[in-house]
Amino acid sequence: MKKIEAIIKPFKLDEAKEALSAVGVEGITVSEVKGFGRQKGHTELYRGAEYVVDFLPKIKLEIVVTDDAVEKVTGALLESCQTGRIGDGKIFVKPVEQALRIRTGESGDAAIQST
């Protein structure tokens, strides 16, 4: 099993959700986060005063999938979230040692697939 974490632009959430659904993803955790990478934030003007916005709003998606689904899921995220501009985000793939479904006690791949 692998955990895929994707940091994306907020306006790409609906497209990402549709693309993930199309490749068979059944569960996603979504968090509103703030951060910056190469873009380093930007300057805004408010009531005549300039101030720097260091942290930009982003969306963090967390998805746990079987090993054989990783390429489909990361491909769907790349295709749906890419604008070609700086700040599109990142995708991280990490190993998951164990997953347990609390309701039934199922473990491993059975815990992350629908029954």
C-alpha atoms as a PDB file:
ATOM      1  CA  MET A   1       0.000   0.000   0.000  1.00  0.00           C
ATOM      2  CA  LYS A   2       1.046   3.569  -0.646  1.00  0.00           C
ATOM      3  CA  LYS A   3      -0.122   6.938   0.633  1.00  0.00           C
ATOM      4  CA  ILE A   4      -0.272   9.626  -2.023  1.00  0.00           C
ATOM      5  CA  GLU A   5      -0.191  13.205  -0.776  1.00  0.00           C
ATOM      6  CA  ALA A   6      -0.795  15.947  -3.300  1.00  0.00           C
ATOM      7  CA  ILE A   7      -0.538  19.667  -2.693  1.00  0.00           C
ATOM      8  CA  ILE A   8      -2.582  21.440  -5.380  1.00  0.00           C
ATOM      9  CA  LYS A   9      -4.086  24.815  -6.227  1.00  0.00           C
ATOM     10  CA  PRO A  10      -7.534  25.243  -4.620  1.00  0.00           C
ATOM     11  CA  PHE A  11      -9.382  25.839  -7.905  1.00  0.00           C
ATOM     12  CA  LYS A  12      -8.178  22.439  -9.185  1.00  0.00           C
ATOM     13  CA  LEU A  13      -9.952  20.434  -6.456  1.00  0.00           C
ATOM     14  CA  ASP A  14     -13.093  19.599  -8.466  1.00  0.00           C
ATOM     15  CA  GLU A  15     -11.077  18.498 -11.497  1.00  0.00           C
ATOM     16  CA  ALA A  16      -8.818  16.362  -9.296  1.00  0.00           C
ATOM     17  CA  LYS A  17     -11.820  14.757  -7.581  1.00  0.00           C
ATOM     18  CA  GLU A  18     -13.426  13.871 -10.919  1.00  0.00           C
ATOM     19  CA  ALA A  19     -10.157  12.470 -12.310  1.00  0.00           C
ATOM     20  CA  LEU A  20      -9.578  10.356  -9.197  1.00  0.00           C
ATOM     21  CA  SER A  21     -13.124   9.038  -9.299  1.00  0.00           C
ATOM     22  CA  ALA A  22     -12.636   8.092 -12.967  1.00  0.00           C
ATOM     23  CA  VAL A  23      -9.637   5.886 -12.069  1.00  0.00           C
ATOM     24  CA  GLY A  24     -11.478   4.160  -9.234  1.00  0.00           C
ATOM     25  CA  VAL A  25     -10.419   6.077  -6.124  1.00  0.00           C
ATOM     26  CA  GLU A  26     -13.151   5.661  -3.517  1.00  0.00           C
ATOM     27  CA  GLY A  27     -11.852   7.738  -0.631  1.00  0.00           C
ATOM     28  CA  ILE A  28      -9.956  11.004  -0.308  1.00  0.00           C
ATOM     29  CA  THR A  29      -9.053  13.183   2.635  1.00  0.00           C
ATOM     30  CA  VAL A  30      -8.971  16.896   1.787  1.00  0.00           C
ATOM     31  CA  SER A  31      -7.389  19.614   3.932  1.00  0.00           C
ATOM     32  CA  GLU A  32      -7.050  23.336   3.417  1.00  0.00           C
ATOM     33  CA  VAL A  33      -3.404  24.203   4.003  1.00  0.00           C
ATOM     34  CA  LYS A  34      -1.058  27.137   3.456  1.00  0.00           C
ATOM     35  CA  GLY A  35       2.470  27.096   2.147  1.00  0.00           C
ATOM     36  CA  PHE A  36       4.929  28.267  -0.456  1.00  0.00           C
ATOM     37  CA  GLY A  37       7.603  26.877  -2.709  1.00  0.00           C
ATOM     38  CA  ARG A  38       9.531  28.636  -5.436  1.00  0.00           C
ATOM     39  CA  GLN A  39       6.866  31.284  -5.794  1.00  0.00           C
ATOM     40  CA  LYS A  40       7.695  32.652  -2.309  1.00  0.00           C
ATOM     41  CA  GLY A  41       4.334  34.332  -1.831  1.00  0.00           C
ATOM     42  CA  HIS A  42       3.437  37.728  -3.248  1.00  0.00           C
ATOM     43  CA  THR A  43       2.840  41.375  -2.297  1.00  0.00           C
ATOM     44  CA  GLU A  44      -0.682  42.770  -1.905  1.00  0.00           C
ATOM     45  CA  LEU A  45      -2.047  46.250  -1.361  1.00  0.00           C
ATOM     46  CA  TYR A  46      -4.619  46.751   1.428  1.00  0.00           C
ATOM     47  CA  ARG A  47      -5.986  50.200   2.342  1.00  0.00           C
ATOM     48  CA  GLY A  48      -2.959  51.866   0.796  1.00  0.00           C
ATOM     49  CA  ALA A  49      -0.405  49.723   2.618  1.00  0.00           C
ATOM     50  CA  GLU A  50       1.689  47.020   0.982  1.00  0.00           C
ATOM     51  CA  TYR A  51       2.179  43.744   2.768  1.00  0.00           C
ATOM     52  CA  VAL A  52       3.722  40.410   1.854  1.00  0.00           C
ATOM     53  CA  VAL A  53       1.601  37.270   1.777  1.00  0.00           C
ATOM     54  CA  ASP A  54       4.182  34.567   2.553  1.00  0.00           C
ATOM     55  CA  PHE A  55       1.880  31.566   2.718  1.00  0.00           C
ATOM     56  CA  LEU A  56      -0.504  30.878  -0.144  1.00  0.00           C
ATOM     57  CA  PRO A  57      -3.701  28.839   0.206  1.00  0.00           C
ATOM     58  CA  LYS A  58      -3.370  25.276  -1.087  1.00  0.00           C
ATOM     59  CA  ILE A  59      -5.326  22.035  -0.914  1.00  0.00           C
ATOM     60  CA  LYS A  60      -3.777  18.834   0.418  1.00  0.00           C
ATOM     61  CA  LEU A  61      -5.213  15.544  -0.831  1.00  0.00           C
ATOM     62  CA  GLU A  62      -4.391  12.304   0.975  1.00  0.00           C
ATOM     63  CA  ILE A  63      -5.198   8.994  -0.704  1.00  0.00           C
ATOM     64  CA  VAL A  64      -4.189   5.464   0.335  1.00  0.00           C
ATOM     65  CA  VAL A  65      -4.134   2.991  -2.551  1.00  0.00           C
ATOM     66  CA  THR A  66      -2.862  -0.471  -3.392  1.00  0.00           C
ATOM     67  CA  ASP A  67       0.598  -0.636  -4.943  1.00  0.00           C
ATOM     68  CA  ASP A  68      -0.776  -1.409  -8.395  1.00  0.00           C
ATOM     69  CA  ALA A  69      -2.978   1.733  -8.420  1.00  0.00           C
ATOM     70  CA  VAL A  70      -0.188   4.262  -7.748  1.00  0.00           C
ATOM     71  CA  GLU A  71       0.616   5.042 -11.392  1.00  0.00           C
ATOM     72  CA  LYS A  72      -3.051   5.490 -12.355  1.00  0.00           C
ATOM     73  CA  VAL A  73      -3.706   7.811  -9.421  1.00  0.00           C
ATOM     74  CA  THR A  74      -0.570   9.932  -9.805  1.00  0.00           C
ATOM     75  CA  GLY A  75      -1.191  10.163 -13.559  1.00  0.00           C
ATOM     76  CA  ALA A  76      -4.754  11.338 -12.978  1.00  0.00           C
ATOM     77  CA  LEU A  77      -3.524  13.984 -10.528  1.00  0.00           C
ATOM     78  CA  LEU A  78      -0.809  15.207 -12.896  1.00  0.00           C
ATOM     79  CA  GLU A  79      -3.224  15.492 -15.785  1.00  0.00           C
ATOM     80  CA  SER A  80      -6.013  17.195 -13.854  1.00  0.00           C
ATOM     81  CA  CYS A  81      -3.963  19.618 -11.745  1.00  0.00           C
ATOM     82  CA  GLN A  82      -1.284  20.815 -14.139  1.00  0.00           C
ATOM     83  CA  THR A  83      -1.587  24.382 -15.423  1.00  0.00           C
ATOM     84  CA  GLY A  84       2.020  24.773 -16.509  1.00  0.00           C
ATOM     85  CA  ARG A  85       2.548  27.729 -14.190  1.00  0.00           C
ATOM     86  CA  ILE A  86       4.645  27.983 -11.062  1.00  0.00           C
ATOM     87  CA  GLY A  87       2.817  26.842  -7.926  1.00  0.00           C
ATOM     88  CA  ASP A  88       0.973  23.871  -9.482  1.00  0.00           C
ATOM     89  CA  GLY A  89       2.048  21.777  -6.491  1.00  0.00           C
ATOM     90  CA  LYS A  90       3.722  18.489  -5.636  1.00  0.00           C
ATOM     91  CA  ILE A  91       2.811  14.810  -5.329  1.00  0.00           C
ATOM     92  CA  PHE A  92       4.473  12.608  -2.707  1.00  0.00           C
ATOM     93  CA  VAL A  93       4.217   8.806  -2.585  1.00  0.00           C
ATOM     94  CA  LYS A  94       5.030   7.113   0.729  1.00  0.00           C
ATOM     95  CA  PRO A  95       4.830   3.492   1.878  1.00  0.00           C
ATOM     96  CA  VAL A  96       2.046   2.500   4.271  1.00  0.00           C
ATOM     97  CA  GLU A  97       2.883  -0.334   6.644  1.00  0.00           C
ATOM     98  CA  GLN A  98      -0.633  -1.164   7.790  1.00  0.00           C
ATOM     99  CA  ALA A  99      -4.223  -0.059   7.336  1.00  0.00           C
ATOM    100  CA  LEU A 100      -7.153  -1.097   9.534  1.00  0.00           C
ATOM    101  CA  ARG A 101     -10.841  -0.498   8.954  1.00  0.00           C
ATOM    102  CA  ILE A 102     -12.228   0.411  12.363  1.00  0.00           C
ATOM    103  CA  ARG A 103     -15.799  -0.738  11.646  1.00  0.00           C
ATOM    104  CA  THR A 104     -14.960  -4.308  10.585  1.00  0.00           C
ATOM    105  CA  GLY A 105     -11.411  -4.867  11.748  1.00  0.00           C
ATOM    106  CA  GLU A 106     -10.279  -5.651   8.190  1.00  0.00           C
ATOM    107  CA  SER A 107      -6.600  -5.035   7.551  1.00  0.00           C
ATOM    108  CA  GLY A 108      -4.252  -4.542   4.626  1.00  0.00           C
ATOM    109  CA  ASP A 109      -5.651  -4.014   1.118  1.00  0.00           C
ATOM    110  CA  ALA A 110      -9.119  -5.125   2.279  1.00  0.00           C
ATOM    111  CA  ALA A 111      -9.247  -2.130   4.649  1.00  0.00           C
ATOM    112  CA  ILE A 112      -8.883   0.396   1.820  1.00  0.00           C
ATOM    113  CA  GLN A 113     -11.117  -1.227  -0.781  1.00  0.00           C
ATOM    114  CA  SER A 114     -14.899  -1.144  -0.746  1.00  0.00           C
ATOM    115  CA  THR A 115     -16.779  -4.247   0.301  1.00  0.00           C
END
